[in-house]
Amino acid sequence: MIKPKKLSSQIVPAEKIRYRTYYHEIHPGAYLTVKEKECLRYMDPISTYADVAEKMGLSRRTVEAHIQKIREKFHCKRRYELFRLRELVFYEGKSTSPNAEN
């Protein structure tokens, strides 16, 4: 039997991010600035920081700095955790269930 690796107490496991409904539940004191939200909005799985920077009219380094701040605030080590956080930020409270009454 393989034992699971122990996670650091400072890192939010992907499971916590995956099953939370609201991003404020992950780190209640953390918040996103307008530019950080904009960076998240323009990110997608195939875009690079340069692509995001071009869409926003900023330099690549500025976008990297905004994304790094997001990673620090929400302890996102991997890129897919950023995308899950993006879902929580922009689709917060909106059900994806076909039976939901919206």
PDB file of N, CA and C in Angstrom:
ATOM      1  N   MET A   1       0.837  -1.182   0.000  1.00  0.00           N
ATOM      2  CA  MET A   1       0.000   0.000   0.000  1.00  0.00           C
ATOM      3  C   MET A   1       0.881   1.244   0.000  1.00  0.00           C
ATOM      4  N   ILE A   2       0.594   2.145  -0.910  1.00  0.00           N
ATOM      5  CA  ILE A   2       1.358   3.383  -1.019  1.00  0.00           C
ATOM      6  C   ILE A   2       0.712   4.441  -0.138  1.00  0.00           C
ATOM      7  N   LYS A   3       1.533   5.039   0.718  1.00  0.00           N
ATOM      8  CA  LYS A   3       1.023   6.096   1.588  1.00  0.00           C
ATOM      9  C   LYS A   3       1.044   7.421   0.833  1.00  0.00           C
ATOM     10  N   PRO A   4      -0.003   8.225   0.984  1.00  0.00           N
ATOM     11  CA  PRO A   4       0.003   9.532   0.324  1.00  0.00           C
ATOM     12  C   PRO A   4       1.038  10.450   0.961  1.00  0.00           C
ATOM     13  N   LYS A   5       1.582  11.337   0.157  1.00  0.00           N
ATOM     14  CA  LYS A   5       2.561  12.293   0.671  1.00  0.00           C
ATOM     15  C   LYS A   5       1.874  13.278   1.597  1.00  0.00           C
ATOM     16  N   LYS A   6       2.597  13.667   2.628  1.00  0.00           N
ATOM     17  CA  LYS A   6       2.071  14.651   3.556  1.00  0.00           C
ATOM     18  C   LYS A   6       2.261  16.044   2.966  1.00  0.00           C
ATOM     19  N   LEU A   7       1.219  16.835   2.997  1.00  0.00           N
ATOM     20  CA  LEU A   7       1.281  18.184   2.446  1.00  0.00           C
ATOM     21  C   LEU A   7       1.675  19.187   3.512  1.00  0.00           C
ATOM     22  N   SER A   8       2.375  20.196   3.093  1.00  0.00           N
ATOM     23  CA  SER A   8       2.739  21.278   3.995  1.00  0.00           C
ATOM     24  C   SER A   8       1.474  21.986   4.467  1.00  0.00           C
ATOM     25  N   SER A   9       1.487  22.483   5.680  1.00  0.00           N
ATOM     26  CA  SER A   9       0.302  23.158   6.215  1.00  0.00           C
ATOM     27  C   SER A   9       0.051  24.497   5.521  1.00  0.00           C
ATOM     28  N   GLN A  10       1.063  25.052   4.849  1.00  0.00           N
ATOM     29  CA  GLN A  10       0.896  26.340   4.189  1.00  0.00           C
ATOM     30  C   GLN A  10       0.306  26.213   2.790  1.00  0.00           C
ATOM     31  N   ILE A  11       0.324  25.021   2.237  1.00  0.00           N
ATOM     32  CA  ILE A  11      -0.154  24.829   0.871  1.00  0.00           C
ATOM     33  C   ILE A  11      -1.573  24.293   0.910  1.00  0.00           C
ATOM     34  N   VAL A  12      -2.428  24.876   0.110  1.00  0.00           N
ATOM     35  CA  VAL A  12      -3.806  24.404   0.015  1.00  0.00           C
ATOM     36  C   VAL A  12      -3.825  23.253  -0.975  1.00  0.00           C
ATOM     37  N   PRO A  13      -4.207  22.056  -0.540  1.00  0.00           N
ATOM     38  CA  PRO A  13      -4.245  20.934  -1.468  1.00  0.00           C
ATOM     39  C   PRO A  13      -5.254  21.179  -2.586  1.00  0.00           C
ATOM     40  N   ALA A  14      -4.972  20.598  -3.730  1.00  0.00           N
ATOM     41  CA  ALA A  14      -5.858  20.768  -4.889  1.00  0.00           C
ATOM     42  C   ALA A  14      -7.267  20.293  -4.571  1.00  0.00           C
ATOM     43  N   GLU A  15      -7.390  19.288  -3.707  1.00  0.00           N
ATOM     44  CA  GLU A  15      -8.716  18.778  -3.354  1.00  0.00           C
ATOM     45  C   GLU A  15      -9.560  19.860  -2.700  1.00  0.00           C
ATOM     46  N   LYS A  16      -8.935  20.683  -1.877  1.00  0.00           N
ATOM     47  CA  LYS A  16      -9.688  21.759  -1.222  1.00  0.00           C
ATOM     48  C   LYS A  16     -10.168  22.764  -2.247  1.00  0.00           C
ATOM     49  N   ILE A  17      -9.304  23.102  -3.188  1.00  0.00           N
ATOM     50  CA  ILE A  17      -9.700  24.054  -4.217  1.00  0.00           C
ATOM     51  C   ILE A  17     -10.770  23.443  -5.104  1.00  0.00           C
ATOM     52  N   ARG A  18     -10.616  22.172  -5.427  1.00  0.00           N
ATOM     53  CA  ARG A  18     -11.527  21.515  -6.357  1.00  0.00           C
ATOM     54  C   ARG A  18     -12.951  21.464  -5.825  1.00  0.00           C
ATOM     55  N   TYR A  19     -13.133  21.278  -4.543  1.00  0.00           N
ATOM     56  CA  TYR A  19     -14.470  21.063  -4.009  1.00  0.00           C
ATOM     57  C   TYR A  19     -15.065  22.260  -3.283  1.00  0.00           C
ATOM     58  N   ARG A  20     -14.417  23.393  -3.327  1.00  0.00           N
ATOM     59  CA  ARG A  20     -14.977  24.586  -2.689  1.00  0.00           C
ATOM     60  C   ARG A  20     -15.923  25.285  -3.647  1.00  0.00           C
ATOM     61  N   THR A  21     -16.921  25.916  -3.093  1.00  0.00           N
ATOM     62  CA  THR A  21     -17.885  26.628  -3.916  1.00  0.00           C
ATOM     63  C   THR A  21     -17.445  28.067  -4.150  1.00  0.00           C
ATOM     64  N   TYR A  22     -16.904  28.699  -3.152  1.00  0.00           N
ATOM     65  CA  TYR A  22     -16.511  30.101  -3.252  1.00  0.00           C
ATOM     66  C   TYR A  22     -15.018  30.235  -2.981  1.00  0.00           C
ATOM     67  N   TYR A  23     -14.355  31.117  -3.736  1.00  0.00           N
ATOM     68  CA  TYR A  23     -12.912  31.229  -3.551  1.00  0.00           C
ATOM     69  C   TYR A  23     -12.557  31.840  -2.208  1.00  0.00           C
ATOM     70  N   HIS A  24     -13.470  32.590  -1.592  1.00  0.00           N
ATOM     71  CA  HIS A  24     -13.188  33.158  -0.267  1.00  0.00           C
ATOM     72  C   HIS A  24     -13.110  32.069   0.797  1.00  0.00           C
ATOM     73  N   GLU A  25     -13.676  30.898   0.538  1.00  0.00           N
ATOM     74  CA  GLU A  25     -13.598  29.796   1.495  1.00  0.00           C
ATOM     75  C   GLU A  25     -12.201  29.194   1.528  1.00  0.00           C
ATOM     76  N   ILE A  26     -11.425  29.381   0.469  1.00  0.00           N
ATOM     77  CA  ILE A  26     -10.086  28.808   0.427  1.00  0.00           C
ATOM     78  C   ILE A  26      -9.177  29.554   1.396  1.00  0.00           C
ATOM     79  N   HIS A  27      -9.123  30.867   1.268  1.00  0.00           N
ATOM     80  CA  HIS A  27      -8.354  31.734   2.160  1.00  0.00           C
ATOM     81  C   HIS A  27      -9.216  32.949   2.450  1.00  0.00           C
ATOM     82  N   PRO A  28      -9.927  32.954   3.567  1.00  0.00           N
ATOM     83  CA  PRO A  28     -10.887  34.024   3.846  1.00  0.00           C
ATOM     84  C   PRO A  28     -10.299  35.431   3.817  1.00  0.00           C
ATOM     85  N   GLY A  29      -9.046  35.610   4.186  1.00  0.00           N
ATOM     86  CA  GLY A  29      -8.460  36.946   4.215  1.00  0.00           C
ATOM     87  C   GLY A  29      -7.889  37.398   2.884  1.00  0.00           C
ATOM     88  N   ALA A  30      -7.794  36.499   1.931  1.00  0.00           N
ATOM     89  CA  ALA A  30      -7.181  36.832   0.643  1.00  0.00           C
ATOM     90  C   ALA A  30      -8.196  37.498  -0.279  1.00  0.00           C
ATOM     91  N   TYR A  31      -7.707  38.392  -1.093  1.00  0.00           N
ATOM     92  CA  TYR A  31      -8.565  39.073  -2.056  1.00  0.00           C
ATOM     93  C   TYR A  31      -7.767  39.276  -3.338  1.00  0.00           C
ATOM     94  N   LEU A  32      -8.460  39.568  -4.413  1.00  0.00           N
ATOM     95  CA  LEU A  32      -7.814  39.825  -5.695  1.00  0.00           C
ATOM     96  C   LEU A  32      -8.027  41.283  -6.090  1.00  0.00           C
ATOM     97  N   THR A  33      -6.964  41.907  -6.586  1.00  0.00           N
ATOM     98  CA  THR A  33      -7.100  43.267  -7.101  1.00  0.00           C
ATOM     99  C   THR A  33      -7.768  43.211  -8.475  1.00  0.00           C
ATOM    100  N   VAL A  34      -8.119  44.362  -8.999  1.00  0.00           N
ATOM    101  CA  VAL A  34      -8.766  44.435 -10.313  1.00  0.00           C
ATOM    102  C   VAL A  34      -7.842  43.863 -11.388  1.00  0.00           C
ATOM    103  N   LYS A  35      -6.567  44.228 -11.361  1.00  0.00           N
ATOM    104  CA  LYS A  35      -5.614  43.745 -12.368  1.00  0.00           C
ATOM    105  C   LYS A  35      -5.376  42.241 -12.233  1.00  0.00           C
ATOM    106  N   GLU A  36      -5.353  41.727 -11.008  1.00  0.00           N
ATOM    107  CA  GLU A  36      -5.178  40.287 -10.817  1.00  0.00           C
ATOM    108  C   GLU A  36      -6.374  39.520 -11.375  1.00  0.00           C
ATOM    109  N   LYS A  37      -7.574  40.043 -11.153  1.00  0.00           N
ATOM    110  CA  LYS A  37      -8.766  39.407 -11.726  1.00  0.00           C
ATOM    111  C   LYS A  37      -8.725  39.451 -13.247  1.00  0.00           C
ATOM    112  N   GLU A  38      -8.266  40.570 -13.780  1.00  0.00           N
ATOM    113  CA  GLU A  38      -8.187  40.710 -15.230  1.00  0.00           C
ATOM    114  C   GLU A  38      -7.186  39.702 -15.814  1.00  0.00           C
ATOM    115  N   CYS A  39      -6.059  39.511 -15.137  1.00  0.00           N
ATOM    116  CA  CYS A  39      -5.077  38.511 -15.583  1.00  0.00           C
ATOM    117  C   CYS A  39      -5.694  37.118 -15.583  1.00  0.00           C
ATOM    118  N   LEU A  40      -6.408  36.793 -14.519  1.00  0.00           N
ATOM    119  CA  LEU A  40      -7.064  35.479 -14.453  1.00  0.00           C
ATOM    120  C   LEU A  40      -8.086  35.320 -15.565  1.00  0.00           C
ATOM    121  N   ARG A  41      -8.825  36.371 -15.835  1.00  0.00           N
ATOM    122  CA  ARG A  41      -9.874  36.304 -16.859  1.00  0.00           C
ATOM    123  C   ARG A  41      -9.285  35.980 -18.233  1.00  0.00           C
ATOM    124  N   TYR A  42      -8.142  36.578 -18.563  1.00  0.00           N
ATOM    125  CA  TYR A  42      -7.542  36.378 -19.884  1.00  0.00           C
ATOM    126  C   TYR A  42      -6.725  35.090 -19.995  1.00  0.00           C
ATOM    127  N   MET A  43      -6.447  34.432 -18.876  1.00  0.00           N
ATOM    128  CA  MET A  43      -5.675  33.187 -18.927  1.00  0.00           C
ATOM    129  C   MET A  43      -6.545  32.040 -19.427  1.00  0.00           C
ATOM    130  N   ASP A  44      -5.938  31.176 -20.208  1.00  0.00           N
ATOM    131  CA  ASP A  44      -6.574  29.916 -20.568  1.00  0.00           C
ATOM    132  C   ASP A  44      -5.462  28.866 -20.688  1.00  0.00           C
ATOM    133  N   PRO A  45      -5.810  27.603 -20.775  1.00  0.00           N
ATOM    134  CA  PRO A  45      -4.780  26.551 -20.732  1.00  0.00           C
ATOM    135  C   PRO A  45      -3.703  26.638 -21.814  1.00  0.00           C
ATOM    136  N   ILE A  46      -3.987  27.272 -22.938  1.00  0.00           N
ATOM    137  CA  ILE A  46      -2.976  27.313 -23.998  1.00  0.00           C
ATOM    138  C   ILE A  46      -2.297  28.672 -24.135  1.00  0.00           C
ATOM    139  N   SER A  47      -2.724  29.664 -23.381  1.00  0.00           N
ATOM    140  CA  SER A  47      -2.116  30.994 -23.512  1.00  0.00           C
ATOM    141  C   SER A  47      -0.864  31.111 -22.648  1.00  0.00           C
ATOM    142  N   THR A  48       0.060  31.927 -23.113  1.00  0.00           N
ATOM    143  CA  THR A  48       1.276  32.216 -22.359  1.00  0.00           C
ATOM    144  C   THR A  48       1.100  33.568 -21.667  1.00  0.00           C
ATOM    145  N   TYR A  49       2.049  33.900 -20.812  1.00  0.00           N
ATOM    146  CA  TYR A  49       1.998  35.207 -20.158  1.00  0.00           C
ATOM    147  C   TYR A  49       2.089  36.322 -21.197  1.00  0.00           C
ATOM    148  N   ALA A  50       2.847  36.085 -22.255  1.00  0.00           N
ATOM    149  CA  ALA A  50       2.973  37.086 -23.324  1.00  0.00           C
ATOM    150  C   ALA A  50       1.628  37.310 -24.021  1.00  0.00           C
ATOM    151  N   ASP A  51       0.856  36.230 -24.211  1.00  0.00           N
ATOM    152  CA  ASP A  51      -0.474  36.365 -24.821  1.00  0.00           C
ATOM    153  C   ASP A  51      -1.397  37.198 -23.937  1.00  0.00           C
ATOM    154  N   VAL A  52      -1.361  36.908 -22.645  1.00  0.00           N
ATOM    155  CA  VAL A  52      -2.198  37.645 -21.693  1.00  0.00           C
ATOM    156  C   VAL A  52      -1.777  39.110 -21.668  1.00  0.00           C
ATOM    157  N   ALA A  53      -0.470  39.347 -21.667  1.00  0.00           N
ATOM    158  CA  ALA A  53       0.051  40.719 -21.642  1.00  0.00           C
ATOM    159  C   ALA A  53      -0.398  41.501 -22.871  1.00  0.00           C
ATOM    160  N   GLU A  54      -0.387  40.844 -24.018  1.00  0.00           N
ATOM    161  CA  GLU A  54      -0.810  41.509 -25.251  1.00  0.00           C
ATOM    162  C   GLU A  54      -2.292  41.889 -25.183  1.00  0.00           C
ATOM    163  N   LYS A  55      -3.121  40.997 -24.655  1.00  0.00           N
ATOM    164  CA  LYS A  55      -4.560  41.274 -24.536  1.00  0.00           C
ATOM    165  C   LYS A  55      -4.832  42.425 -23.569  1.00  0.00           C
ATOM    166  N   MET A  56      -4.001  42.501 -22.508  1.00  0.00           N
ATOM    167  CA  MET A  56      -4.211  43.522 -21.485  1.00  0.00           C
ATOM    168  C   MET A  56      -3.494  44.830 -21.790  1.00  0.00           C
ATOM    169  N   GLY A  57      -2.561  44.801 -22.723  1.00  0.00           N
ATOM    170  CA  GLY A  57      -1.786  46.002 -23.028  1.00  0.00           C
ATOM    171  C   GLY A  57      -0.711  46.280 -21.996  1.00  0.00           C
ATOM    172  N   LEU A  58      -0.197  45.223 -21.362  1.00  0.00           N
ATOM    173  CA  LEU A  58       0.854  45.346 -20.355  1.00  0.00           C
ATOM    174  C   LEU A  58       2.085  44.581 -20.820  1.00  0.00           C
ATOM    175  N   SER A  59       3.169  44.698 -20.060  1.00  0.00           N
ATOM    176  CA  SER A  59       4.358  43.910 -20.384  1.00  0.00           C
ATOM    177  C   SER A  59       4.198  42.497 -19.825  1.00  0.00           C
ATOM    178  N   ARG A  60       4.950  41.566 -20.396  1.00  0.00           N
ATOM    179  CA  ARG A  60       4.901  40.175 -19.941  1.00  0.00           C
ATOM    180  C   ARG A  60       5.323  40.082 -18.475  1.00  0.00           C
ATOM    181  N   ARG A  61       6.323  40.857 -18.102  1.00  0.00           N
ATOM    182  CA  ARG A  61       6.834  40.820 -16.733  1.00  0.00           C
ATOM    183  C   ARG A  61       5.779  41.307 -15.731  1.00  0.00           C
ATOM    184  N   THR A  62       4.997  42.287 -16.105  1.00  0.00           N
ATOM    185  CA  THR A  62       3.933  42.788 -15.230  1.00  0.00           C
ATOM    186  C   THR A  62       2.881  41.709 -15.002  1.00  0.00           C
ATOM    187  N   VAL A  63       2.514  41.013 -16.067  1.00  0.00           N
ATOM    188  CA  VAL A  63       1.540  39.924 -15.943  1.00  0.00           C
ATOM    189  C   VAL A  63       2.109  38.820 -15.058  1.00  0.00           C
ATOM    190  N   GLU A  64       3.382  38.474 -15.245  1.00  0.00           N
ATOM    191  CA  GLU A  64       4.025  37.464 -14.401  1.00  0.00           C
ATOM    192  C   GLU A  64       3.962  37.872 -12.930  1.00  0.00           C
ATOM    193  N   ALA A  65       4.188  39.147 -12.658  1.00  0.00           N
ATOM    194  CA  ALA A  65       4.146  39.638 -11.276  1.00  0.00           C
ATOM    195  C   ALA A  65       2.741  39.510 -10.692  1.00  0.00           C
ATOM    196  N   HIS A  66       1.720  39.848 -11.473  1.00  0.00           N
ATOM    197  CA  HIS A  66       0.338  39.717 -10.990  1.00  0.00           C
ATOM    198  C   HIS A  66      -0.006  38.253 -10.711  1.00  0.00           C
ATOM    199  N   ILE A  67       0.385  37.368 -11.610  1.00  0.00           N
ATOM    200  CA  ILE A  67       0.099  35.940 -11.425  1.00  0.00           C
ATOM    201  C   ILE A  67       0.863  35.404 -10.220  1.00  0.00           C
ATOM    202  N   GLN A  68       2.103  35.855 -10.032  1.00  0.00           N
ATOM    203  CA  GLN A  68       2.887  35.417  -8.878  1.00  0.00           C
ATOM    204  C   GLN A  68       2.217  35.855  -7.574  1.00  0.00           C
ATOM    205  N   LYS A  69       1.666  37.053  -7.540  1.00  0.00           N
ATOM    206  CA  LYS A  69       0.956  37.524  -6.345  1.00  0.00           C
ATOM    207  C   LYS A  69      -0.266  36.657  -6.070  1.00  0.00           C
ATOM    208  N   ILE A  70      -0.980  36.281  -7.135  1.00  0.00           N
ATOM    209  CA  ILE A  70      -2.148  35.402  -6.974  1.00  0.00           C
ATOM    210  C   ILE A  70      -1.703  34.063  -6.404  1.00  0.00           C
ATOM    211  N   ARG A  71      -0.624  33.511  -6.949  1.00  0.00           N
ATOM    212  CA  ARG A  71      -0.108  32.223  -6.468  1.00  0.00           C
ATOM    213  C   ARG A  71       0.256  32.297  -4.983  1.00  0.00           C
ATOM    214  N   GLU A  72       0.875  33.400  -4.574  1.00  0.00           N
ATOM    215  CA  GLU A  72       1.260  33.562  -3.175  1.00  0.00           C
ATOM    216  C   GLU A  72       0.043  33.697  -2.270  1.00  0.00           C
ATOM    217  N   LYS A  73      -0.929  34.481  -2.685  1.00  0.00           N
ATOM    218  CA  LYS A  73      -2.117  34.708  -1.856  1.00  0.00           C
ATOM    219  C   LYS A  73      -2.928  33.432  -1.650  1.00  0.00           C
ATOM    220  N   PHE A  74      -3.059  32.636  -2.713  1.00  0.00           N
ATOM    221  CA  PHE A  74      -3.922  31.460  -2.661  1.00  0.00           C
ATOM    222  C   PHE A  74      -3.147  30.152  -2.656  1.00  0.00           C
ATOM    223  N   HIS A  75      -1.818  30.239  -2.533  1.00  0.00           N
ATOM    224  CA  HIS A  75      -0.955  29.062  -2.454  1.00  0.00           C
ATOM    225  C   HIS A  75      -1.187  28.104  -3.618  1.00  0.00           C
ATOM    226  N   CYS A  76      -1.247  28.634  -4.811  1.00  0.00           N
ATOM    227  CA  CYS A  76      -1.413  27.817  -6.021  1.00  0.00           C
ATOM    228  C   CYS A  76      -0.030  27.465  -6.553  1.00  0.00           C
ATOM    229  N   LYS A  77       0.337  26.200  -6.455  1.00  0.00           N
ATOM    230  CA  LYS A  77       1.641  25.783  -6.955  1.00  0.00           C
ATOM    231  C   LYS A  77       1.589  25.424  -8.428  1.00  0.00           C
ATOM    232  N   ARG A  78       0.468  24.908  -8.866  1.00  0.00           N
ATOM    233  CA  ARG A  78       0.361  24.424 -10.244  1.00  0.00           C
ATOM    234  C   ARG A  78      -0.610  25.276 -11.050  1.00  0.00           C
ATOM    235  N   ARG A  79      -0.412  25.244 -12.340  1.00  0.00           N
ATOM    236  CA  ARG A  79      -1.220  26.064 -13.243  1.00  0.00           C
ATOM    237  C   ARG A  79      -2.695  25.675 -13.195  1.00  0.00           C
ATOM    238  N   TYR A  80      -2.984  24.379 -13.071  1.00  0.00           N
ATOM    239  CA  TYR A  80      -4.388  23.964 -13.042  1.00  0.00           C
ATOM    240  C   TYR A  80      -5.104  24.495 -11.802  1.00  0.00           C
ATOM    241  N   GLU A  81      -4.370  24.740 -10.719  1.00  0.00           N
ATOM    242  CA  GLU A  81      -4.985  25.333  -9.535  1.00  0.00           C
ATOM    243  C   GLU A  81      -5.405  26.778  -9.820  1.00  0.00           C
ATOM    244  N   LEU A  82      -4.632  27.464 -10.635  1.00  0.00           N
ATOM    245  CA  LEU A  82      -5.017  28.822 -11.048  1.00  0.00           C
ATOM    246  C   LEU A  82      -6.305  28.792 -11.861  1.00  0.00           C
ATOM    247  N   PHE A  83      -6.439  27.783 -12.721  1.00  0.00           N
ATOM    248  CA  PHE A  83      -7.651  27.691 -13.537  1.00  0.00           C
ATOM    249  C   PHE A  83      -8.861  27.343 -12.684  1.00  0.00           C
ATOM    250  N   ARG A  84      -8.666  26.521 -11.664  1.00  0.00           N
ATOM    251  CA  ARG A  84      -9.769  26.216 -10.755  1.00  0.00           C
ATOM    252  C   ARG A  84     -10.148  27.467  -9.973  1.00  0.00           C
ATOM    253  N   LEU A  85      -9.158  28.219  -9.539  1.00  0.00           N
ATOM    254  CA  LEU A  85      -9.423  29.477  -8.845  1.00  0.00           C
ATOM    255  C   LEU A  85     -10.171  30.430  -9.768  1.00  0.00           C
ATOM    256  N   ARG A  86      -9.784  30.458 -11.028  1.00  0.00           N
ATOM    257  CA  ARG A  86     -10.469  31.295 -12.024  1.00  0.00           C
ATOM    258  C   ARG A  86     -11.944  30.927 -12.114  1.00  0.00           C
ATOM    259  N   GLU A  87     -12.240  29.645 -12.133  1.00  0.00           N
ATOM    260  CA  GLU A  87     -13.641  29.202 -12.164  1.00  0.00           C
ATOM    261  C   GLU A  87     -14.394  29.698 -10.940  1.00  0.00           C
ATOM    262  N   LEU A  88     -13.750  29.599  -9.782  1.00  0.00           N
ATOM    263  CA  LEU A  88     -14.405  30.018  -8.547  1.00  0.00           C
ATOM    264  C   LEU A  88     -14.644  31.522  -8.522  1.00  0.00           C
ATOM    265  N   VAL A  89     -13.714  32.288  -9.076  1.00  0.00           N
ATOM    266  CA  VAL A  89     -13.846  33.747  -9.069  1.00  0.00           C
ATOM    267  C   VAL A  89     -14.943  34.210 -10.018  1.00  0.00           C
ATOM    268  N   PHE A  90     -14.940  33.683 -11.227  1.00  0.00           N
ATOM    269  CA  PHE A  90     -15.849  34.201 -12.248  1.00  0.00           C
ATOM    270  C   PHE A  90     -17.174  33.459 -12.353  1.00  0.00           C
ATOM    271  N   TYR A  91     -17.247  32.260 -11.799  1.00  0.00           N
ATOM    272  CA  TYR A  91     -18.496  31.508 -11.876  1.00  0.00           C
ATOM    273  C   TYR A  91     -19.015  31.197 -10.484  1.00  0.00           C
ATOM    274  N   GLU A  92     -18.594  31.998  -9.516  1.00  0.00           N
ATOM    275  CA  GLU A  92     -18.944  31.819  -8.116  1.00  0.00           C
ATOM    276  C   GLU A  92     -20.450  31.847  -7.919  1.00  0.00           C
ATOM    277  N   GLY A  93     -20.973  30.767  -7.373  1.00  0.00           N
ATOM    278  CA  GLY A  93     -22.396  30.720  -7.062  1.00  0.00           C
ATOM    279  C   GLY A  93     -23.282  30.370  -8.230  1.00  0.00           C
ATOM    280  N   LYS A  94     -22.721  30.254  -9.421  1.00  0.00           N
ATOM    281  CA  LYS A  94     -23.524  29.893 -10.588  1.00  0.00           C
ATOM    282  C   LYS A  94     -23.441  28.391 -10.779  1.00  0.00           C
ATOM    283  N   SER A  95     -24.547  27.740 -10.770  1.00  0.00           N
ATOM    284  CA  SER A  95     -24.568  26.292 -10.898  1.00  0.00           C
ATOM    285  C   SER A  95     -24.377  25.880 -12.348  1.00  0.00           C
ATOM    286  N   THR A  96     -23.645  24.790 -12.541  1.00  0.00           N
ATOM    287  CA  THR A  96     -23.473  24.249 -13.884  1.00  0.00           C
ATOM    288  C   THR A  96     -24.396  23.059 -14.105  1.00  0.00           C
ATOM    289  N   SER A  97     -25.228  22.786 -13.135  1.00  0.00           N
ATOM    290  CA  SER A  97     -26.152  21.663 -13.245  1.00  0.00           C
ATOM    291  C   SER A  97     -27.277  21.998 -14.217  1.00  0.00           C
ATOM    292  N   PRO A  98     -27.647  21.038 -15.097  1.00  0.00           N
ATOM    293  CA  PRO A  98     -28.740  21.313 -16.036  1.00  0.00           C
ATOM    294  C   PRO A  98     -30.095  21.456 -15.347  1.00  0.00           C
ATOM    295  N   ASN A  99     -30.218  20.929 -14.125  1.00  0.00           N
ATOM    296  CA  ASN A  99     -31.481  21.001 -13.396  1.00  0.00           C
ATOM    297  C   ASN A  99     -31.586  22.238 -12.516  1.00  0.00           C
ATOM    298  N   ALA A 100     -30.541  23.058 -12.511  1.00  0.00           N
ATOM    299  CA  ALA A 100     -30.538  24.235 -11.637  1.00  0.00           C
ATOM    300  C   ALA A 100     -31.490  25.298 -12.162  1.00  0.00           C
ATOM    301  N   GLU A 101     -32.078  26.007 -11.231  1.00  0.00           N
ATOM    302  CA  GLU A 101     -32.980  27.104 -11.597  1.00  0.00           C
ATOM    303  C   GLU A 101     -32.193  28.401 -11.558  1.00  0.00           C
ATOM    304  N   ASN A 102     -31.803  28.906 -12.706  1.00  0.00           N
ATOM    305  CA  ASN A 102     -31.046  30.172 -12.779  1.00  0.00           C
ATOM    306  C   ASN A 102     -31.842  31.223 -13.482  1.00  0.00           C
TER     307      ASN A 102
END
